[in-house]
Protein backbone atom coordinates (compact mmCIF):
# COMPACT_ATOMS: atom_id res chain seq x y z
CA MET A 1 -17.79 -9.66 29.42
CA ASP A 2 -20.79 -11.82 30.44
CA GLY A 3 -22.10 -9.28 33.02
CA PRO A 4 -24.58 -6.36 32.47
CA PRO A 5 -23.67 -3.64 29.86
CA GLU A 6 -21.42 -1.00 31.72
CA LEU A 7 -19.45 1.44 29.97
CA ILE A 8 -16.24 2.65 31.85
CA GLU A 9 -15.60 6.35 31.70
CA PRO A 10 -12.48 6.58 29.64
CA PRO A 11 -9.72 8.74 31.38
CA VAL A 12 -9.21 11.04 28.28
CA ALA A 13 -9.80 14.65 27.46
CA PRO A 14 -13.31 15.46 26.62
CA SER A 15 -12.01 16.94 23.32
CA LEU A 16 -10.25 13.88 22.35
CA LEU A 17 -13.58 12.00 23.58
CA GLY A 18 -15.76 14.31 21.69
CA SER A 19 -13.65 13.60 18.15
CA VAL A 20 -13.86 9.71 18.76
CA LEU A 21 -17.60 9.72 19.30
CA GLU A 22 -18.44 11.27 16.33
CA LEU A 23 -16.97 8.49 14.20
CA LEU A 24 -19.79 6.29 14.18
CA GLY A 25 -19.24 4.83 10.86
CA ASP A 26 -15.74 3.20 12.31
CA GLY A 27 -15.20 0.82 15.50
CA ILE A 28 -13.05 2.82 17.88
CA LEU A 29 -10.93 1.02 20.46
CA LEU A 30 -8.84 2.72 23.48
CA ALA A 31 -6.20 0.97 25.11
CA ASP A 32 -3.88 2.15 27.77
CA ALA A 33 0.13 1.54 26.49
CA GLY A 34 0.31 -1.90 28.24
CA GLY A 35 -2.38 -2.95 26.24
CA ARG A 36 -5.42 -2.99 28.42
CA ILE A 37 -8.64 -2.05 26.48
CA PHE A 38 -10.94 0.18 28.87
CA TRP A 39 -13.45 1.69 26.41
CA TRP A 40 -15.09 0.98 22.66
CA ASN A 41 -17.64 3.08 20.88
CA ALA A 42 -21.68 2.21 19.96
CA VAL A 43 -20.32 0.39 16.52
CA VAL A 44 -18.11 -2.10 18.08
CA ALA A 45 -20.80 -2.82 20.97
CA GLN A 46 -23.06 -3.06 18.26
CA ARG A 47 -20.84 -5.85 16.63
CA LEU A 48 -20.23 -7.50 19.72
CA GLY A 49 -24.19 -7.95 20.73
CA GLY A 50 -24.49 -4.86 22.73
CA LYS A 51 -21.98 -5.88 25.21
CA ARG A 52 -19.81 -3.10 27.05
CA LEU A 53 -16.92 -3.28 29.29
CA ARG A 54 -17.48 -3.90 32.95
CA PRO A 55 -15.23 -1.82 35.79
CA GLY A 56 -12.30 -3.70 36.88
CA HIS A 57 -12.00 -6.13 34.07
CA ARG A 58 -8.80 -7.43 32.78
CA LEU A 59 -9.20 -7.53 28.64
CA THR A 60 -6.27 -7.24 26.85
CA CYS A 61 -5.92 -6.43 23.61
CA CYS A 62 -3.65 -9.60 22.84
CA ALA A 63 -6.48 -11.77 24.14
CA PHE A 64 -9.25 -9.83 22.49
CA LEU A 65 -8.09 -9.00 18.98
CA GLY A 66 -5.42 -11.90 18.78
CA CYS A 67 -2.30 -10.09 18.67
CA GLU A 68 0.06 -12.78 17.92
CA GLN A 69 -1.80 -14.04 14.96
CA ASN A 70 -1.94 -10.60 13.34
CA THR A 71 1.52 -9.25 13.98
CA ALA A 72 3.15 -12.56 12.11
CA GLY A 73 5.18 -10.39 9.79
CA GLY A 74 9.05 -9.84 9.96
CA ASP A 75 10.24 -8.49 13.10
CA GLU A 76 7.24 -6.68 14.70
CA PRO A 77 5.97 -6.89 17.86
CA ARG A 78 3.48 -9.68 18.75
CA CYS A 79 0.91 -7.02 20.46
CA LEU A 80 -0.76 -4.48 18.31
CA THR A 81 -0.53 -1.87 21.32
CA ARG A 82 3.42 -2.57 21.71
CA LEU A 83 3.41 -2.30 17.95
CA ALA A 84 1.61 1.19 17.81
CA VAL A 85 3.57 2.43 20.80
CA GLU A 86 6.93 1.66 19.42
CA SER A 87 6.11 3.45 16.09
CA ALA A 88 6.24 7.44 16.41
CA ASP A 89 3.22 7.37 13.86
CA GLY A 90 1.50 4.33 15.14
CA PHE A 91 0.73 2.00 12.15
CA ALA A 92 -1.43 2.04 9.22
CA MET A 93 -4.48 0.36 7.93
CA ARG A 94 -3.60 -3.48 8.16
CA ARG A 95 -6.04 -6.52 8.04
CA LEU A 96 -7.40 -7.60 11.43
CA GLN A 97 -8.58 -11.47 11.83
CA PRO A 98 -9.84 -11.69 15.35
CA PRO A 99 -10.06 -14.77 17.39
CA ALA A 100 -13.86 -15.88 17.91
CA GLN A 101 -15.11 -13.79 20.76
CA ALA A 102 -14.68 -10.96 18.75
CA ALA A 103 -15.58 -12.25 15.09
CA GLY A 104 -17.65 -9.22 14.49
CA LEU A 105 -14.61 -6.85 14.31
CA ALA A 106 -12.90 -8.59 11.45
CA GLY A 107 -11.88 -6.07 8.58
CA TYR A 108 -8.98 -3.52 8.99
CA ILE A 109 -7.15 -1.77 12.06
CA SER A 110 -5.20 1.15 12.48
CA ALA A 111 -3.85 2.95 15.75
CA ARG A 112 -2.38 6.23 16.86
CA HIS A 113 -1.09 7.61 19.86
CA VAL A 114 -3.45 10.12 21.76
CA ALA A 115 -2.82 12.05 25.14
CA SER A 116 -4.94 11.49 28.12
CA ALA A 117 -5.98 14.03 30.63
CA ASP A 118 -3.26 12.96 32.89
CA GLU A 119 -0.73 12.72 29.97
CA LYS A 120 -0.31 9.21 30.20
CA PRO A 121 0.10 7.64 26.95
CA LEU A 122 -2.75 5.77 25.09
CA VAL A 123 -3.24 4.08 21.89
CA ALA A 124 -6.36 4.77 19.76
CA PHE A 125 -7.54 1.88 17.49
CA GLN A 126 -9.64 2.31 14.27
CA LEU A 127 -11.74 -0.35 12.98
CA ARG A 128 -12.89 -0.20 9.59
CA LEU A 129 -15.22 -3.40 9.71
CA HIS A 130 -16.59 -5.69 7.24
CA GLU A 131 -19.99 -5.55 6.24
CA VAL A 132 -22.57 -7.59 8.24
CA PRO A 133 -24.95 -9.43 6.57
CA GLY A 134 -28.57 -7.75 6.88
CA SER A 135 -26.86 -4.59 8.17
CA PRO A 136 -27.23 -1.07 6.24
CA PRO A 137 -24.48 -0.34 3.78
CA ARG A 138 -21.92 1.80 4.70
CA THR A 139 -21.64 5.32 3.14
CA ARG A 140 -18.93 4.80 0.13
CA GLY A 141 -16.78 8.15 -0.24
CA VAL A 142 -14.29 9.52 2.28
CA VAL A 143 -13.60 6.90 5.06
CA PRO A 144 -13.85 8.59 8.77
CA SER A 145 -10.89 9.19 10.69
CA LEU A 146 -8.97 9.93 13.40
CA ARG A 147 -8.51 13.50 12.97
CA GLY A 148 -5.27 15.36 13.79
CA GLU A 149 -4.78 18.96 16.06
CA HIS A 150 -5.47 20.91 12.94
CA GLY A 151 -8.52 18.59 11.78
CA GLU A 152 -6.77 17.11 8.98
CA PRO A 153 -7.96 13.22 8.03
CA THR A 154 -5.22 10.64 9.26
CA THR A 155 -6.67 8.15 7.34
CA PRO A 156 -4.81 7.00 3.87
CA SER A 157 -5.83 9.06 1.24
CA LEU A 158 -2.83 8.56 -1.20
CA VAL A 159 -4.00 4.92 -2.39
CA VAL A 160 -1.20 3.27 -4.62
CA SER A 161 -0.66 -0.03 -6.23
CA ALA A 162 2.99 -1.00 -6.65
CA LEU A 163 2.72 -4.47 -7.45
CA GLY A 164 2.59 -4.26 -10.91
CA ASP A 165 2.84 -1.23 -12.91
CA VAL A 166 2.37 1.96 -10.70
CA ARG A 167 -1.30 2.95 -10.19
CA GLY A 168 -3.39 4.94 -7.60
CA SER A 169 -5.04 7.92 -6.46
CA ALA A 170 -4.83 11.02 -4.37
CA ASP A 171 -7.82 12.07 -2.56
CA GLY A 172 -9.87 10.35 -5.10
CA ARG A 173 -8.20 11.93 -8.28
CA PRO A 174 -6.29 9.24 -10.34
CA LEU A 175 -2.53 9.55 -10.65
CA GLU A 176 -2.21 9.24 -14.68
CA GLY A 177 -0.31 10.90 -17.35
CA GLU A 178 3.19 10.89 -19.01
CA TRP A 179 4.56 12.17 -15.45
CA LEU A 180 4.94 8.56 -14.34
CA GLN A 181 7.26 8.13 -17.06
CA GLN A 182 9.68 11.03 -16.56
CA ARG A 183 11.83 12.24 -13.77
CA PRO A 184 8.65 13.04 -11.41
CA GLY A 185 7.63 9.40 -12.03
CA GLN A 186 10.95 8.13 -11.08
CA VAL A 187 11.44 10.08 -8.11
CA PHE A 188 7.37 8.96 -6.93
CA ARG A 189 8.55 5.39 -7.21
CA TYR A 190 11.81 5.81 -5.38
CA LEU A 191 9.38 7.53 -2.16
CA LEU A 192 7.56 4.75 -2.24
CA CYS A 193 10.50 2.23 -1.89
CA ALA A 194 12.07 4.21 0.42
CA ARG A 195 8.86 5.07 2.64
CA GLY A 196 9.90 4.02 5.71
CA ARG A 197 12.25 6.71 6.27
CA PRO A 198 13.27 10.01 4.62
CA ALA A 199 14.98 10.43 1.58
CA SER A 200 17.86 13.20 1.14
CA PRO A 201 18.17 14.84 -2.25
CA GLU A 202 21.66 13.44 -2.30
CA ASP A 203 20.11 10.08 -1.70
CA ILE A 204 17.75 10.34 -4.49
CA VAL A 205 20.57 11.22 -6.77
CA ALA A 206 22.71 8.60 -6.33
CA ALA A 207 19.94 6.25 -6.81
CA ILE A 208 18.30 7.79 -9.75
CA TRP A 209 20.74 9.79 -11.34
CA PRO A 210 24.40 8.49 -10.04
CA ASP A 211 26.39 10.08 -13.05
CA ARG A 212 24.94 13.30 -12.83
CA GLY A 213 27.16 14.47 -9.98
CA PRO A 214 26.14 16.93 -6.85
CA ASP A 215 24.87 19.50 -9.11
CA ALA A 216 21.53 17.08 -9.95
CA VAL A 217 20.08 18.03 -6.39
CA ALA A 218 18.58 21.25 -8.27
CA ASN A 219 16.74 18.72 -10.27
CA VAL A 220 15.58 16.90 -7.38
CA ARG A 221 13.75 19.95 -5.88
CA TYR A 222 12.42 20.63 -9.33
CA CYS A 223 10.88 17.13 -9.29
CA MET A 224 9.15 17.47 -6.10
CA TYR A 225 7.68 20.51 -7.05
CA LYS A 226 6.38 19.09 -10.44
CA LEU A 227 5.34 16.00 -8.29
CA ARG A 228 3.46 17.79 -5.56
CA ASP A 229 1.69 19.37 -8.25
CA GLN A 230 0.58 15.91 -9.29
CA LEU A 231 -0.28 14.49 -5.91
CA ASP A 232 -1.58 17.59 -3.98
CA GLY A 233 -3.51 19.17 -7.22
CA ARG A 234 -4.31 22.87 -7.03
CA ASP A 235 -5.85 22.55 -3.77
CA ARG A 236 -3.15 23.56 -1.32
CA ALA A 237 -5.24 24.12 1.65
CA ARG A 238 -4.46 20.52 2.78
CA PRO A 239 -0.93 19.51 3.90
CA SER A 240 1.04 18.04 1.00
CA PHE A 241 1.11 14.13 0.64
CA ILE A 242 5.29 14.86 0.54
CA VAL A 243 6.50 15.55 4.09
CA HIS A 244 9.57 17.61 4.24
CA SER A 245 12.01 17.43 7.11
CA THR A 246 15.77 17.83 8.26
CA GLY A 247 16.29 14.30 6.90
CA GLY A 248 14.63 14.83 3.34
CA TYR A 249 11.53 14.08 1.71
CA ARG A 250 8.99 11.44 2.35
CA LEU A 251 5.38 10.42 1.30
CA ASP A 252 3.39 11.24 4.28
CA PRO A 253 2.93 7.59 5.99
CA LYS A 254 -0.43 8.89 7.81
CA ARG A 255 -2.09 9.37 4.25
CA LEU A 256 -0.57 6.52 2.15
CA ARG A 257 -2.24 3.42 1.67
CA LEU A 258 0.33 1.06 -0.13
CA ASP A 259 -0.69 -2.22 -1.71
CA VAL A 260 2.79 -3.99 -0.61
CA ASP A 261 1.70 -2.88 3.15
CA LEU A 262 -1.21 -4.92 2.81
CA PHE A 263 0.39 -7.83 0.47
CA GLN A 264 3.16 -8.56 3.12
CA PRO A 265 1.53 -8.97 6.39
CA ASP A 266 -1.12 -11.41 5.13
CA ALA A 267 1.29 -13.46 3.15
CA THR A 268 3.40 -13.88 6.10
CA ALA A 269 0.58 -14.44 8.26
CA GLY A 270 -0.76 -16.91 5.90
CA LEU A 271 2.33 -18.68 6.08
CA ALA A 272 2.44 -18.50 9.78
CA ALA A 273 -0.83 -20.28 9.83
CA ARG A 274 0.04 -22.98 7.35
CA CYS A 275 3.04 -23.76 9.83
CA ARG A 276 0.56 -23.83 12.69
CA GLY A 277 -1.75 -26.29 10.35
CA ASP A 278 -4.68 -24.02 10.16
CA ASN A 279 -5.19 -24.58 6.60
CA SER A 280 -8.31 -22.78 6.76
CA ARG A 281 -6.85 -19.48 7.82
CA ALA A 282 -3.70 -19.87 6.11
CA GLU A 283 -5.68 -20.02 2.43
CA THR A 284 -7.92 -17.13 3.35
CA GLN A 285 -5.00 -15.05 4.24
CA LEU A 286 -2.71 -16.47 1.07
CA THR A 287 -5.62 -15.76 -1.02
CA SER A 288 -6.19 -12.35 -0.27
CA ALA A 289 -2.35 -11.70 -0.49
CA MET A 290 -2.23 -12.90 -3.90
CA GLU A 291 -5.21 -11.20 -5.09
CA ARG A 292 -2.96 -8.06 -4.45
CA TYR A 293 0.09 -9.46 -6.26
CA ARG A 294 -0.34 -8.03 -9.58
CA GLY A 295 3.24 -8.67 -10.71
CA ASP A 296 6.83 -7.24 -9.66
CA PHE A 297 7.35 -4.28 -7.43
CA LEU A 298 7.27 -1.26 -9.49
CA ALA A 299 7.14 -3.55 -12.47
CA ASP A 300 6.75 -0.49 -14.96
CA ASP A 301 10.73 0.48 -13.87
CA PRO A 302 12.34 -2.73 -14.07
CA TYR A 303 15.90 -1.44 -14.11
CA ALA A 304 15.55 0.58 -11.15
CA GLU A 305 18.41 -0.88 -8.91
CA TRP A 306 17.47 0.59 -5.91
CA SER A 307 14.08 -1.56 -5.67
CA PHE A 308 15.82 -4.91 -6.55
CA THR A 309 16.05 -6.01 -2.84
CA GLU A 310 12.56 -5.18 -1.96
CA ARG A 311 11.15 -6.45 -5.48
CA ASP A 312 13.14 -9.72 -4.99
CA TYR A 313 11.82 -10.31 -1.12
CA LEU A 314 8.16 -9.51 -2.52
CA ARG A 315 8.68 -11.97 -5.31
CA SER A 316 9.84 -14.71 -3.08
CA LEU A 317 7.33 -14.18 -0.68
CA ALA A 318 4.80 -14.61 -3.58
CA GLY A 319 6.14 -17.67 -4.60
CA LYS A 320 6.25 -19.22 -1.04
CA ALA A 321 2.42 -18.21 -0.75
CA LEU A 322 1.25 -19.77 -3.72
CA ALA A 323 3.71 -23.18 -3.00
CA ALA A 324 1.46 -22.98 -0.05
CA LEU A 325 -2.02 -22.56 -1.62
CA SER A 326 -0.91 -25.59 -4.20
CA GLU A 327 0.15 -27.72 -1.35
CA ILE A 328 -3.21 -26.93 0.41
CA ALA A 329 -5.32 -27.50 -2.84
CA LEU A 330 -3.56 -30.90 -3.38
CA GLU A 331 -3.75 -31.96 0.09
CA GLU A 332 -7.41 -31.75 -0.15
CA ASP A 333 -7.58 -33.03 -4.00
CA ARG A 334 -8.61 -29.94 -5.45
CA LEU A 335 -6.40 -30.29 -8.50
CA GLY A 336 -8.28 -27.47 -10.40
CA ALA A 337 -7.45 -24.98 -7.74
CA ALA A 338 -3.99 -26.43 -7.34
CA GLU A 339 -3.32 -26.15 -11.21
CA VAL A 340 -4.19 -22.21 -11.28
CA HIS A 341 -1.72 -21.86 -8.23
CA LEU A 342 0.79 -23.82 -9.74
CA GLN A 343 0.61 -22.19 -13.13
CA ARG A 344 1.25 -18.58 -11.61
CA LEU A 345 4.06 -20.16 -9.76
CA ALA A 346 5.86 -21.46 -12.92
CA ARG A 347 5.33 -17.72 -14.12
CA LEU A 348 7.25 -16.67 -11.38
CA GLU A 349 9.77 -19.55 -10.91
CA PRO A 350 10.07 -20.28 -15.03
CA PHE A 351 13.41 -22.29 -14.82
CA ASP A 352 12.30 -24.28 -11.73
CA SER A 353 12.31 -27.87 -13.31
CA GLU A 354 10.39 -29.40 -9.93
CA ILE A 355 7.55 -26.94 -10.02
CA ARG A 356 6.90 -27.52 -13.63
CA GLU A 357 6.95 -31.41 -12.84
CA VAL A 358 4.30 -31.04 -10.42
CA LEU A 359 2.41 -28.92 -12.90
CA ILE A 360 2.60 -31.59 -15.72
CA GLU A 361 1.58 -34.34 -13.35
CA VAL A 362 -1.61 -32.46 -12.15
CA CYS A 363 -2.51 -31.82 -15.92
CA LEU A 364 -2.03 -35.18 -16.56
CA ARG A 365 -4.19 -36.28 -13.57
CA ARG A 366 -6.75 -34.17 -14.94
CA GLY A 367 -6.64 -35.60 -18.40
CA ARG A 368 -5.19 -32.44 -19.91
CA ARG A 369 -2.24 -33.75 -21.82
CA THR A 370 -2.29 -31.29 -24.54
CA GLU A 371 -1.72 -28.70 -21.41
CA ALA A 372 0.93 -31.26 -19.81
CA LEU A 373 3.01 -31.43 -22.80
CA ARG A 374 2.92 -27.36 -23.55
CA HIS A 375 4.23 -26.92 -20.12
CA TYR A 376 7.06 -29.59 -20.69
CA ASN A 377 7.98 -28.02 -24.32
CA SER A 378 7.81 -24.09 -22.34
CA LEU A 379 10.39 -25.45 -19.40
CA ARG A 380 12.77 -27.18 -22.60
CA LEU A 381 12.93 -24.39 -24.60
CA GLY A 382 13.53 -22.10 -21.77
CA LEU A 383 16.06 -23.95 -20.15
CA HIS A 384 17.86 -24.37 -23.43
CA ARG A 385 17.88 -20.72 -24.58
CA ALA A 386 19.28 -19.80 -21.32
CA PHE A 387 21.46 -22.17 -19.77
CA GLY A 388 21.99 -24.74 -22.90
CA GLU A 389 20.35 -27.16 -20.64
CA GLN A 390 17.70 -29.93 -20.58
CA PRO A 391 14.89 -30.87 -17.96
CA ASP A 392 16.06 -33.66 -15.56
CA PHE A 393 12.91 -35.36 -16.31
CA GLU A 394 10.75 -36.93 -18.95
CA LEU A 395 7.28 -36.90 -19.81
CA ALA A 396 7.17 -40.43 -19.64
CA ASP A 397 8.90 -40.52 -16.22
CA VAL A 398 5.60 -38.46 -14.63
CA THR A 399 3.22 -40.72 -16.62
CA LYS A 400 4.63 -44.00 -15.19
CA ARG A 401 4.94 -42.18 -11.42
CA ILE A 402 1.10 -41.34 -12.18
CA ALA A 403 0.22 -44.87 -12.89
CA GLY A 404 1.96 -46.54 -9.73
CA GLN A 405 0.95 -43.77 -6.88
CA PRO A 406 -3.07 -43.05 -6.90
CA ARG A 407 -1.89 -39.86 -5.38
CA GLY A 408 0.27 -36.99 -6.62
CA ARG A 409 3.22 -35.12 -4.92
CA TRP A 410 2.91 -31.41 -3.78
CA LEU A 411 4.89 -28.35 -2.79
CA ARG A 412 5.75 -27.69 0.72
CA ALA A 413 5.67 -23.88 1.27
CA GLU A 414 8.07 -23.91 4.38
CA ASN A 415 10.79 -25.39 2.22
CA GLY A 416 10.68 -22.98 -0.62
CA GLY A 417 8.94 -25.04 -3.04
CA ARG A 418 10.44 -28.34 -2.99
CA ARG A 419 8.67 -31.41 -3.31
CA ALA A 420 7.36 -33.82 -0.62
């Protein structure tokens, strides 16, 4: 990448190249199925100081985009190209933190499959880049996107926050009204939870109305009709946000942007960075993740048993993220930041004596005795009412320890919240 700017003519059909070149607001990268990047557009070149690809180069997505550090969640492949190839729909927008040589490409990345002139599989990456100081502001509104064969935008236009009470918008229209607390709203929440697969009418009935029997399938069809009214609006020229196939119903994954799918990769990548000892990256990614965590998954439907598994997992992940943030802050002697994270962690885990003990210690080290007493009494009353027990430590124990130890103890993210 150090030679004169040269552009490889990408081996793609003119119609595809034409649609890509129209997307001057976002960066576009093209890669073959093996992950070799062979073309990028002028937006990417500008962010890289005018550099273009040279013929015969061996630049891969893993080396250039830092795939391993950006695919740390769950059982995902450690390569963005492979992740896109192995999914029928590519993947939706996710945060991208590239290595130093491509730092100008930081922002969000999505991918989809495209066909070349010789029918070999290719992957097109769309980069929604962060603003660069001194650059003209990007136009707000509909984000430029790769387009399907009929010209419909494939970037998310159904934006939903499901961490906490459900809220969102569909093509800019707010999702609000009594329907969210009625049967169509229940079905909408179920589709959010089952977003990775189609849900048959029988599955929906068994989950939401288990006592109604097979006759309730007709209710599902009616709810879908009413739900389409709320999501699609009166303009039915575009495809519905609800996709129906032989397998059942699902929210269109190409057009859905869910906060859960942004929170989870940020949190897992931040925890992985913490394990590697990269505190700066860990704190950035974990802070970004926790900014999205407004509360439990689908909090406004607390008794929906079909959401318990994902709700508990995301709650646990948030707890680990807060524990890691607390640990980092305490290691750097930033007691104010540590107290904020520990207070939030104590709300997630209200009966965890160890978390509350560390929080009380931080308060006492900051001279906040009244605050420390309040946290202790809250723990004592909560344990007594729920379990008939008392805390396994006294305030005097913490005070004595502080007098004998100049440095406080802290939580360890990797062991799930125990003190070191």
